[in-house]
Amino acid sequence: MPELISHDGDGGIAHCSRCGAVAVGPCARCRAPICGDCCVLTEGGASTWAICLACDDRGGRTLGGAWRGLVLWLVGILVVLLALVVGLGLLAR
């Protein structure tokens, strides 16, 4: 995995940003390399992702907030488009 290649001259082995052990993958939120002991698994998504303990402390394990944010963003776009259509309809009269 290219995201685990280190450029610090330590033989190409990435280390956990939290404890210094050999990293097994990046955090799904902050992309920092993490080991298996310093991560938790997400809940409520189509796939299971590992996030570091710092990101878990900041935002929890669920992805529900991210999904709600995406839905609200899409609804906002639809509301703006509806307002444009109604405005153009009133101008066409």
Foldseek 3Di string as FASTA:
>chain_A
DVLQQDPPPPPRFHAAPPPGHTFDFAAPPPGGGHHPVQWDWAPDDPDITTHGPVVCVVPNRYCVVVVVVVVVVVVVVVVVVVVVVVVVVVVVD
